[in-house]
């Protein structure tokens, strides 16, 4: 089997209120942009993938398509090991293609990706609802809403102002107590000294973890912060591949690890990271980049088949106005059923793809 064609389509899908506008300390947005990758083969199989392109400068789907086509056409789509060994493309684009190759491989074998990865140990994957920075009052409203929807875990953005962060956390705890496990993510906003003070004030709120409060490097700063606080520390931006996770483990820099397909380079690196963390006894959580159907499916297959992914995985899927797949995922009690059809278990709706296409 050989690749005969590659298409890359940039789409922009609105987010719904009250999730939108989704505010971090960096920016606010009411839409999500993704690149949808289609790979065709000479045996009539088509694979679909997705990679995050939110906020990238000089975004060009045509350039991505040209780069992918020049390298991929004529190659064996089933040899994913060789793909990872040889592919020179930028990591995000590489990840979108890799998802499509797993989709093809599953369809060729008549198996779901989770089955190809070893088997399903979680038929339903738990989600952590993710929300932007909110005021004390609004965070309480959100927290009650999430509890009513059946979510068990909430992750918030943070990092614009320490006082604002603390008021948001207090609003959540005052509204729902400990009915939601709570994570906050300042996205590297604070210095090590500021993070130490933030942790001191957060200790009373029983966080599941504080995610990447400081810059990704040096890891020694995260190690020191862990020694200074009882608040568990998670790392995301520091997680780029399995080797980076080995370094985090050696430095004892985190208690939780959050990889993402578009940062690590696809499904297989996230599986490898899970293997490393399982051996080290460290839980993994799949990170979310405001994902549409194909990338959400990839998350589900990884989490369903990997013992290390034992906690609720990040998701904003509940806040999408629409999707580009034929059968959008249904969230029930804060979980999504793992697709059982061959490959990723999704198909892209070509009308939806055209509807949300961005010409670039």
Protein backbone atom coordinates (compact mmCIF):
# COMPACT_ATOMS: atom_id res chain seq x y z
CA UNK A 1 0.00 0.00 0.00
CA UNK A 2 1.24 3.50 -0.87
CA UNK A 3 0.10 7.06 -0.19
CA UNK A 4 -1.35 8.70 -3.30
CA UNK A 5 -2.65 12.04 -1.99
CA UNK A 6 -2.52 14.36 1.03
CA UNK A 7 -4.92 17.22 1.78
CA UNK A 8 -4.62 19.72 4.63
CA UNK A 9 -7.65 21.92 5.36
CA UNK A 10 -7.67 24.65 8.00
CA UNK A 11 -11.03 24.99 9.73
CA UNK A 12 -12.36 27.42 12.31
CA UNK A 13 -15.28 26.30 14.49
CA UNK A 14 -17.10 28.57 16.96
CA UNK A 15 -17.19 27.81 20.66
CA UNK A 16 -20.42 28.17 22.57
CA UNK A 17 -21.30 30.34 25.51
CA UNK A 18 -20.62 30.13 28.37
CA UNK A 19 -17.27 28.52 27.44
CA UNK A 20 -16.57 31.36 25.00
CA UNK A 21 -14.78 33.64 25.20
CA UNK A 22 -12.10 31.28 26.52
CA UNK A 23 -9.59 33.46 28.34
CA UNK A 24 -6.03 32.64 29.32
CA UNK A 25 -3.43 35.11 30.56
CA UNK A 26 -2.13 35.26 26.98
CA UNK A 27 -5.32 35.85 24.94
CA UNK A 28 -9.06 35.29 24.65
CA UNK A 29 -10.81 33.42 21.86
CA UNK A 30 -14.33 32.37 20.89
CA UNK A 31 -13.31 29.95 18.12
CA UNK A 32 -10.91 27.07 17.65
CA UNK A 33 -8.71 26.51 14.61
CA UNK A 34 -7.48 23.10 13.54
CA UNK A 35 -5.79 21.56 10.53
CA UNK A 36 -7.67 18.52 9.22
CA UNK A 37 -5.41 16.06 7.38
CA UNK A 38 -6.65 13.59 4.77
CA UNK A 39 -4.34 10.83 3.49
CA UNK A 40 -5.47 8.66 0.54
CA UNK A 41 -3.93 5.35 -0.56
CA UNK A 42 -3.75 3.26 -3.70
CA UNK A 43 -5.92 0.57 -2.06
CA UNK A 44 -8.87 2.92 -1.56
CA UNK A 45 -8.37 3.56 2.15
CA UNK A 46 -8.52 7.11 3.51
CA UNK A 47 -7.22 8.22 6.89
CA UNK A 48 -8.12 11.37 8.79
CA UNK A 49 -5.99 13.31 11.25
CA UNK A 50 -5.93 16.67 13.02
CA UNK A 51 -3.39 18.99 14.57
CA UNK A 52 -3.81 22.19 16.53
CA UNK A 53 -2.99 25.46 14.73
CA UNK A 54 -4.57 27.97 17.11
CA UNK A 55 -2.80 31.34 17.09
CA UNK A 56 0.03 30.28 14.77
CA UNK A 57 1.52 33.21 12.81
CA UNK A 58 1.54 33.09 9.01
CA UNK A 59 -0.86 30.14 9.00
CA UNK A 60 -1.07 28.40 5.61
CA UNK A 61 -2.90 25.17 4.94
CA UNK A 62 -1.63 25.20 1.36
CA UNK A 63 1.98 25.31 2.54
CA UNK A 64 1.37 22.45 4.98
CA UNK A 65 -0.27 20.43 2.22
CA UNK A 66 2.62 21.02 -0.16
CA UNK A 67 5.21 20.03 2.46
CA UNK A 68 3.25 16.93 3.46
CA UNK A 69 2.64 15.86 -0.14
CA UNK A 70 6.27 16.28 -1.20
CA UNK A 71 7.46 14.01 1.58
CA UNK A 72 4.64 11.50 2.11
CA UNK A 73 3.29 10.57 -1.33
CA UNK A 74 4.62 7.19 -2.43
CA UNK A 75 5.45 6.00 1.08
CA UNK A 76 4.01 3.06 3.02
CA UNK A 77 1.26 4.41 5.33
CA UNK A 78 1.30 1.29 7.51
CA UNK A 79 4.92 1.60 8.67
CA UNK A 80 4.48 4.11 11.48
CA UNK A 81 7.84 3.23 13.04
CA UNK A 82 9.61 4.24 9.83
CA UNK A 83 7.45 7.36 9.64
CA UNK A 84 8.69 8.49 13.07
CA UNK A 85 12.27 7.60 12.26
CA UNK A 86 12.37 9.44 8.95
CA UNK A 87 9.77 12.23 8.87
CA UNK A 88 11.46 15.69 8.79
CA UNK A 89 8.26 17.74 8.98
CA UNK A 90 7.39 20.25 11.70
CA UNK A 91 5.99 18.47 14.76
CA UNK A 92 2.39 19.71 14.54
CA UNK A 93 2.03 18.77 10.88
CA UNK A 94 3.80 15.49 11.55
CA UNK A 95 1.28 14.71 14.30
CA UNK A 96 -1.73 15.39 12.09
CA UNK A 97 -0.35 13.05 9.43
CA UNK A 98 0.48 10.40 12.01
CA UNK A 99 -3.11 10.34 13.27
CA UNK A 100 -4.26 9.75 9.69
CA UNK A 101 -1.76 6.89 9.30
CA UNK A 102 -3.08 5.20 12.44
CA UNK A 103 -6.57 5.61 11.01
CA UNK A 104 -5.48 3.87 7.80
CA UNK A 105 -3.65 1.16 9.68
CA UNK A 106 -6.71 0.40 11.80
CA UNK A 107 -8.99 0.33 8.76
CA UNK A 108 -6.59 -2.00 6.95
CA UNK A 109 -6.54 -4.39 9.91
CA UNK A 110 -10.24 -4.06 10.75
CA UNK A 111 -9.31 -2.94 14.29
CA UNK A 112 -9.70 0.25 16.30
CA UNK A 113 -6.56 2.19 17.16
CA UNK A 114 -7.01 1.27 20.82
CA UNK A 115 -7.02 -2.41 19.85
CA UNK A 116 -3.87 -1.88 17.78
CA UNK A 117 -2.25 -0.27 20.82
CA UNK A 118 -2.90 -3.33 22.97
CA UNK A 119 -6.58 -3.35 23.82
CA UNK A 120 -9.26 -1.35 25.58
CA UNK A 121 -8.96 -1.20 29.35
CA UNK A 122 -11.32 1.80 29.69
CA UNK A 123 -14.47 1.59 27.50
CA UNK A 124 -15.35 5.13 28.56
CA UNK A 125 -12.75 7.86 29.06
CA UNK A 126 -13.25 10.42 31.80
CA UNK A 127 -12.93 14.11 30.89
CA UNK A 128 -11.79 17.12 32.85
CA UNK A 129 -13.91 20.10 31.83
CA UNK A 130 -11.61 23.00 30.92
CA UNK A 131 -12.59 26.65 31.31
CA UNK A 132 -10.95 30.02 30.90
CA UNK A 133 -10.19 32.54 33.64
CA UNK A 134 -13.35 33.65 35.44
CA UNK A 135 -14.34 35.95 38.29
CA UNK A 136 -15.30 34.68 41.73
CA UNK A 137 -19.02 34.81 40.85
CA UNK A 138 -18.73 33.28 37.38
CA UNK A 139 -16.38 30.53 38.49
CA UNK A 140 -18.97 29.45 41.06
CA UNK A 141 -21.68 29.37 38.39
CA UNK A 142 -19.45 27.33 36.10
CA UNK A 143 -18.56 24.90 38.89
CA UNK A 144 -22.22 24.23 39.71
CA UNK A 145 -22.94 23.73 36.00
CA UNK A 146 -20.13 21.20 35.64
CA UNK A 147 -21.35 19.26 38.65
CA UNK A 148 -24.86 19.19 37.19
CA UNK A 149 -23.45 17.84 33.90
CA UNK A 150 -21.71 15.03 35.75
CA UNK A 151 -18.09 16.14 35.48
CA UNK A 152 -15.84 15.12 38.36
CA UNK A 153 -12.84 17.29 37.45
CA UNK A 154 -12.35 20.93 36.48
CA UNK A 155 -9.27 22.59 35.01
CA UNK A 156 -9.07 26.38 34.79
CA UNK A 157 -6.72 28.73 33.03
CA UNK A 158 -4.85 31.17 35.27
CA UNK A 159 -1.83 33.45 35.34
CA UNK A 160 -3.05 37.00 34.65
CA UNK A 161 -2.96 37.97 38.30
CA UNK A 162 -2.32 35.93 41.42
CA UNK A 163 -5.16 37.54 43.36
CA UNK A 164 -7.54 36.81 40.48
CA UNK A 165 -6.38 33.18 40.44
CA UNK A 166 -7.02 32.78 44.15
CA UNK A 167 -10.46 34.40 43.93
CA UNK A 168 -11.39 32.04 41.09
CA UNK A 169 -10.33 29.00 43.10
CA UNK A 170 -12.16 30.30 46.15
CA UNK A 171 -15.29 30.85 44.04
CA UNK A 172 -15.20 27.23 42.87
CA UNK A 173 -14.65 25.80 46.33
CA UNK A 174 -17.32 28.05 47.88
CA UNK A 175 -19.81 26.94 45.22
CA UNK A 176 -19.27 23.17 45.13
CA UNK A 177 -16.77 22.31 47.84
CA UNK A 178 -14.74 19.23 46.96
CA UNK A 179 -17.29 17.81 44.51
CA UNK A 180 -14.88 18.76 41.71
CA UNK A 181 -11.23 17.79 41.63
CA UNK A 182 -9.53 21.05 40.77
CA UNK A 183 -6.56 21.84 38.54
CA UNK A 184 -5.32 25.29 37.56
CA UNK A 185 -2.98 26.12 34.70
CA UNK A 186 -1.07 29.43 34.62
CA UNK A 187 0.78 28.48 31.40
CA UNK A 188 4.26 29.48 32.62
CA UNK A 189 3.06 32.90 33.81
CA UNK A 190 4.96 33.11 37.09
CA UNK A 191 8.53 33.29 38.24
CA UNK A 192 9.67 30.57 40.65
CA UNK A 193 9.36 33.04 43.52
CA UNK A 194 5.83 34.05 42.53
CA UNK A 195 4.85 30.41 42.07
CA UNK A 196 6.11 29.59 45.55
CA UNK A 197 3.85 32.29 47.02
CA UNK A 198 0.92 31.17 44.89
CA UNK A 199 1.39 27.60 46.10
CA UNK A 200 1.53 28.75 49.71
CA UNK A 201 -1.88 30.38 49.35
CA UNK A 202 -3.33 27.50 47.33
CA UNK A 203 -2.48 24.81 49.86
CA UNK A 204 -5.78 25.34 51.70
CA UNK A 205 -7.84 24.56 48.57
CA UNK A 206 -6.89 20.90 48.03
CA UNK A 207 -5.87 21.11 44.36
CA UNK A 208 -5.36 17.93 42.37
CA UNK A 209 -2.42 19.78 40.84
CA UNK A 210 -0.99 23.10 39.67
CA UNK A 211 0.02 22.84 36.01
CA UNK A 212 3.15 24.46 34.61
CA UNK A 213 3.14 27.62 36.77
CA UNK A 214 6.73 28.46 35.76
CA UNK A 215 8.77 28.41 32.53
CA UNK A 216 9.52 25.02 30.99
CA UNK A 217 13.24 25.33 31.62
CA UNK A 218 15.25 24.83 33.73
CA UNK A 219 13.66 21.73 35.26
CA UNK A 220 15.59 22.41 38.46
CA UNK A 221 13.15 25.26 39.19
CA UNK A 222 10.22 22.83 39.10
CA UNK A 223 12.13 20.41 41.31
CA UNK A 224 12.77 23.17 43.85
CA UNK A 225 9.15 24.31 43.74
CA UNK A 226 7.96 20.77 44.49
CA UNK A 227 10.16 20.72 47.58
CA UNK A 228 8.73 24.01 48.78
CA UNK A 229 5.00 23.18 48.66
CA UNK A 230 2.39 20.54 49.36
CA UNK A 231 0.53 21.49 46.15
CA UNK A 232 1.20 18.76 43.54
CA UNK A 233 3.01 20.07 40.45
CA UNK A 234 2.15 18.94 36.91
CA UNK A 235 4.14 19.74 33.76
CA UNK A 236 2.82 20.21 30.22
CA UNK A 237 4.96 22.68 28.26
CA UNK A 238 8.04 20.85 29.56
CA UNK A 239 6.72 17.64 27.96
CA UNK A 240 7.80 17.45 24.32
CA UNK A 241 8.75 13.78 23.79
CA UNK A 242 9.64 10.64 25.77
CA UNK A 243 13.19 11.90 26.37
CA UNK A 244 11.85 15.07 28.01
CA UNK A 245 9.76 12.92 30.34
CA UNK A 246 12.81 10.87 31.29
CA UNK A 247 14.54 14.13 32.23
CA UNK A 248 11.53 15.23 34.32
CA UNK A 249 11.56 11.92 36.16
CA UNK A 250 15.32 12.09 36.81
CA UNK A 251 14.95 15.62 38.17
CA UNK A 252 11.85 14.67 40.24
CA UNK A 253 10.29 17.79 38.70
CA UNK A 254 6.63 16.72 38.51
CA UNK A 255 4.00 14.46 40.03
CA UNK A 256 1.82 14.50 36.90
CA UNK A 257 2.68 14.57 33.16
CA UNK A 258 0.51 16.07 30.39
CA UNK A 259 1.52 15.20 26.81
CA UNK A 260 -0.37 16.26 23.68
CA UNK A 261 -0.28 14.71 20.22
CA UNK A 262 0.45 17.99 18.44
CA UNK A 263 3.42 18.70 20.72
CA UNK A 264 4.84 15.18 21.01
CA UNK A 265 4.37 14.32 17.33
CA UNK A 266 1.37 12.02 17.34
CA UNK A 267 -0.24 9.05 19.05
CA UNK A 268 2.82 6.82 19.29
CA UNK A 269 5.00 9.30 21.25
CA UNK A 270 2.13 9.78 23.74
CA UNK A 271 1.90 6.01 24.13
CA UNK A 272 5.66 5.84 24.74
CA UNK A 273 5.36 8.61 27.33
CA UNK A 274 2.64 6.55 29.01
CA UNK A 275 4.95 3.54 29.15
CA UNK A 276 7.72 5.61 30.75
CA UNK A 277 5.36 7.11 33.30
CA UNK A 278 3.74 3.76 34.10
CA UNK A 279 7.18 2.37 34.93
CA UNK A 280 7.89 5.40 37.13
CA UNK A 281 4.49 5.34 38.84
CA UNK A 282 3.54 8.80 37.55
CA UNK A 283 0.01 9.44 36.21
CA UNK A 284 -0.43 10.89 32.70
CA UNK A 285 -3.23 13.14 31.52
CA UNK A 286 -3.86 13.82 27.82
CA UNK A 287 -3.71 17.56 27.20
CA UNK A 288 -6.26 19.37 25.00
CA UNK A 289 -5.73 22.07 22.37
CA UNK A 290 -9.44 22.85 21.84
CA UNK A 291 -9.71 19.67 19.79
CA UNK A 292 -12.26 18.70 17.17
CA UNK A 293 -13.40 15.14 16.46
CA UNK A 294 -10.27 13.48 14.97
CA UNK A 295 -7.89 14.69 17.69
CA UNK A 296 -10.46 13.95 20.39
CA UNK A 297 -10.68 10.42 18.99
CA UNK A 298 -6.90 10.08 19.20
CA UNK A 299 -7.02 11.13 22.85
CA UNK A 300 -9.72 8.54 23.55
CA UNK A 301 -7.74 5.70 21.99
CA UNK A 302 -4.55 6.56 23.88
CA UNK A 303 -6.34 6.94 27.20
CA UNK A 304 -8.43 3.82 26.64
CA UNK A 305 -5.44 1.56 26.06
CA UNK A 306 -2.69 2.98 28.29
CA UNK A 307 -2.62 2.19 32.03
CA UNK A 308 -0.80 5.44 32.88
CA UNK A 309 -3.71 7.59 31.63
CA UNK A 310 -5.81 6.81 34.67
CA UNK A 311 -7.18 10.28 35.46
CA UNK A 312 -9.64 12.63 33.74
CA UNK A 313 -8.22 13.94 30.47
CA UNK A 314 -8.46 17.59 29.39
CA UNK A 315 -11.31 18.50 27.05
CA UNK A 316 -13.20 21.51 25.74
CA UNK A 317 -15.27 19.35 23.41
CA UNK A 318 -18.45 20.12 25.37
CA UNK A 319 -18.00 23.78 24.37
CA UNK A 320 -17.91 23.35 20.58
CA UNK A 321 -20.79 24.78 18.58
CA UNK A 322 -20.26 22.11 15.93
CA UNK A 323 -17.79 19.51 14.64
CA UNK A 324 -16.53 18.33 11.26
CA UNK A 325 -17.17 14.61 11.82
CA UNK A 326 -20.30 12.77 10.74
CA UNK A 327 -21.23 11.58 14.24
CA UNK A 328 -20.03 14.03 16.92
CA UNK A 329 -19.08 12.54 20.26
CA UNK A 330 -21.68 12.49 23.03
CA UNK A 331 -20.57 13.34 26.56
CA UNK A 332 -22.41 11.48 29.31
CA UNK A 333 -21.64 12.10 32.98
CA UNK A 334 -18.32 13.66 32.04
CA UNK A 335 -17.20 10.70 29.90
CA UNK A 336 -17.03 9.71 26.22
CA UNK A 337 -17.34 6.16 24.91
CA UNK A 338 -14.23 4.92 23.10
CA UNK A 339 -14.91 4.40 19.37
CA UNK A 340 -15.01 0.73 18.39
CA UNK A 341 -15.02 1.08 14.60
CA UNK A 342 -11.77 0.42 12.68
CA UNK A 343 -9.11 3.13 12.84
CA UNK A 344 -9.92 6.26 14.79
CA UNK A 345 -13.60 5.35 14.49
CA UNK A 346 -14.61 8.67 12.95
CA UNK A 347 -15.32 9.94 9.45
CA UNK A 348 -15.15 13.55 8.35
CA UNK A 349 -18.28 15.21 6.94
CA UNK A 350 -17.08 16.85 3.73
CA UNK A 351 -19.91 19.40 3.81
CA UNK A 352 -18.89 20.45 7.31
CA UNK A 353 -15.27 20.60 6.23
CA UNK A 354 -16.20 23.01 3.44
CA UNK A 355 -18.50 25.00 5.73
CA UNK A 356 -15.78 25.77 8.28
CA UNK A 357 -12.81 25.93 5.88
CA UNK A 358 -10.45 28.89 6.20
CA UNK A 359 -8.81 29.90 2.92
CA UNK A 360 -5.11 30.16 3.70
